[in-house]
Amino acid sequence: MSERSRVLTAACAGAVLGGIWGWLYMTEGGRRLRDRIEPGFDQFLDEIGQARATGDNTKAAIDEVRQLLTDITHVKQSVSAE
């Protein structure tokens, strides 16, 4: 894809997104649509946050198990060396 095509694609995408934004925020129909979809979108964002927190907690638990296994391996090696 040439640079000219990329610029034209970006300009068209910007125009479309700008038109959608303008309709959503500048018209009565857009306001009604926002009022209908915002609660679902907020719930979706809350669920994403909860999933991220769960992932963070899982990562922390895995790190603790890894550290515990490393400690057990070191203890086993030091006992075997004696």
C-alpha atoms as a PDB file:
ATOM      1  CA  MET A   1       0.000   0.000   0.000  1.00  0.00           C
ATOM      2  CA  SER A   2       1.473   3.344  -1.033  1.00  0.00           C
ATOM      3  CA  GLU A   3       1.757   6.322   1.270  1.00  0.00           C
ATOM      4  CA  ARG A   4      -0.917   8.117  -0.731  1.00  0.00           C
ATOM      5  CA  SER A   5      -3.346   5.219  -0.199  1.00  0.00           C
ATOM      6  CA  ARG A   6      -2.616   5.187   3.545  1.00  0.00           C
ATOM      7  CA  VAL A   7      -3.240   8.926   3.800  1.00  0.00           C
ATOM      8  CA  LEU A   8      -6.484   8.647   1.837  1.00  0.00           C
ATOM      9  CA  THR A   9      -7.638   5.700   3.976  1.00  0.00           C
ATOM     10  CA  ALA A  10      -6.812   7.559   7.193  1.00  0.00           C
ATOM     11  CA  ALA A  11      -8.623  10.692   5.975  1.00  0.00           C
ATOM     12  CA  CYS A  12     -11.733   8.692   5.064  1.00  0.00           C
ATOM     13  CA  ALA A  13     -11.697   6.843   8.395  1.00  0.00           C
ATOM     14  CA  GLY A  14     -11.328  10.175  10.214  1.00  0.00           C
ATOM     15  CA  ALA A  15     -14.234  11.669   8.287  1.00  0.00           C
ATOM     16  CA  VAL A  16     -16.467   8.687   9.070  1.00  0.00           C
ATOM     17  CA  LEU A  17     -15.527   8.678  12.775  1.00  0.00           C
ATOM     18  CA  GLY A  18     -16.003  12.446  12.947  1.00  0.00           C
ATOM     19  CA  GLY A  19     -19.421  12.153  11.352  1.00  0.00           C
ATOM     20  CA  ILE A  20     -20.459   9.443  13.804  1.00  0.00           C
ATOM     21  CA  TRP A  21     -19.178  11.470  16.760  1.00  0.00           C
ATOM     22  CA  GLY A  22     -20.986  14.560  15.517  1.00  0.00           C
ATOM     23  CA  TRP A  23     -24.247  12.658  15.092  1.00  0.00           C
ATOM     24  CA  LEU A  24     -23.961  11.023  18.545  1.00  0.00           C
ATOM     25  CA  TYR A  25     -23.202  14.282  20.358  1.00  0.00           C
ATOM     26  CA  MET A  26     -24.972  16.908  18.275  1.00  0.00           C
ATOM     27  CA  THR A  27     -28.377  15.395  17.498  1.00  0.00           C
ATOM     28  CA  GLU A  28     -31.382  14.307  19.526  1.00  0.00           C
ATOM     29  CA  GLY A  29     -31.318  10.860  17.895  1.00  0.00           C
ATOM     30  CA  GLY A  30     -27.670  10.469  18.846  1.00  0.00           C
ATOM     31  CA  ARG A  31     -28.426  11.422  22.445  1.00  0.00           C
ATOM     32  CA  ARG A  32     -31.210   8.827  22.616  1.00  0.00           C
ATOM     33  CA  LEU A  33     -28.902   6.161  21.222  1.00  0.00           C
ATOM     34  CA  ARG A  34     -26.172   7.085  23.726  1.00  0.00           C
ATOM     35  CA  ASP A  35     -28.712   6.893  26.551  1.00  0.00           C
ATOM     36  CA  ARG A  36     -29.619   3.361  25.447  1.00  0.00           C
ATOM     37  CA  ILE A  37     -26.105   1.997  24.912  1.00  0.00           C
ATOM     38  CA  GLU A  38     -24.140   3.702  27.709  1.00  0.00           C
ATOM     39  CA  PRO A  39     -25.435   1.448  30.534  1.00  0.00           C
ATOM     40  CA  GLY A  40     -24.451  -1.670  28.584  1.00  0.00           C
ATOM     41  CA  PHE A  41     -21.102  -0.142  27.680  1.00  0.00           C
ATOM     42  CA  ASP A  42     -20.456   0.776  31.322  1.00  0.00           C
ATOM     43  CA  GLN A  43     -21.313  -2.781  32.361  1.00  0.00           C
ATOM     44  CA  PHE A  44     -18.970  -4.114  29.676  1.00  0.00           C
ATOM     45  CA  LEU A  45     -16.151  -1.908  30.961  1.00  0.00           C
ATOM     46  CA  ASP A  46     -16.815  -3.078  34.540  1.00  0.00           C
ATOM     47  CA  GLU A  47     -16.592  -6.704  33.409  1.00  0.00           C
ATOM     48  CA  ILE A  48     -13.345  -5.981  31.572  1.00  0.00           C
ATOM     49  CA  GLY A  49     -11.960  -4.434  34.781  1.00  0.00           C
ATOM     50  CA  GLN A  50     -13.015  -7.463  36.801  1.00  0.00           C
ATOM     51  CA  ALA A  51     -11.418  -9.816  34.279  1.00  0.00           C
ATOM     52  CA  ARG A  52      -8.211  -7.797  34.424  1.00  0.00           C
ATOM     53  CA  ALA A  53      -8.200  -7.918  38.239  1.00  0.00           C
ATOM     54  CA  THR A  54      -8.756 -11.678  38.106  1.00  0.00           C
ATOM     55  CA  GLY A  55      -5.858 -12.007  35.681  1.00  0.00           C
ATOM     56  CA  ASP A  56      -3.632  -9.928  37.954  1.00  0.00           C
ATOM     57  CA  ASN A  57      -4.588 -12.069  40.957  1.00  0.00           C
ATOM     58  CA  THR A  58      -3.930 -15.244  38.976  1.00  0.00           C
ATOM     59  CA  LYS A  59      -0.518 -13.955  37.901  1.00  0.00           C
ATOM     60  CA  ALA A  60       0.362 -13.118  41.512  1.00  0.00           C
ATOM     61  CA  ALA A  61      -0.684 -16.604  42.642  1.00  0.00           C
ATOM     62  CA  ILE A  62       1.385 -18.223  39.885  1.00  0.00           C
ATOM     63  CA  ASP A  63       4.399 -16.111  40.879  1.00  0.00           C
ATOM     64  CA  GLU A  64       3.994 -17.238  44.509  1.00  0.00           C
ATOM     65  CA  VAL A  65       3.795 -20.894  43.475  1.00  0.00           C
ATOM     66  CA  ARG A  66       6.860 -20.467  41.281  1.00  0.00           C
ATOM     67  CA  GLN A  67       8.771 -18.921  44.169  1.00  0.00           C
ATOM     68  CA  LEU A  68       7.633 -21.721  46.498  1.00  0.00           C
ATOM     69  CA  LEU A  69       8.807 -24.375  44.019  1.00  0.00           C
ATOM     70  CA  THR A  70      12.144 -22.597  43.665  1.00  0.00           C
ATOM     71  CA  ASP A  71      12.533 -22.504  47.446  1.00  0.00           C
ATOM     72  CA  ILE A  72      11.652 -26.208  47.718  1.00  0.00           C
ATOM     73  CA  THR A  73      14.192 -27.049  45.012  1.00  0.00           C
ATOM     74  CA  HIS A  74      16.914 -25.083  46.838  1.00  0.00           C
ATOM     75  CA  VAL A  75      16.128 -26.788  50.135  1.00  0.00           C
ATOM     76  CA  LYS A  76      16.138 -30.205  48.483  1.00  0.00           C
ATOM     77  CA  GLN A  77      19.495 -29.480  46.812  1.00  0.00           C
ATOM     78  CA  SER A  78      21.049 -28.265  50.065  1.00  0.00           C
ATOM     79  CA  VAL A  79      19.805 -31.372  51.916  1.00  0.00           C
ATOM     80  CA  SER A  80      21.144 -33.612  49.147  1.00  0.00           C
ATOM     81  CA  ALA A  81      24.536 -31.868  49.281  1.00  0.00           C
ATOM     82  CA  GLU A  82      24.966 -32.662  52.987  1.00  0.00           C
END
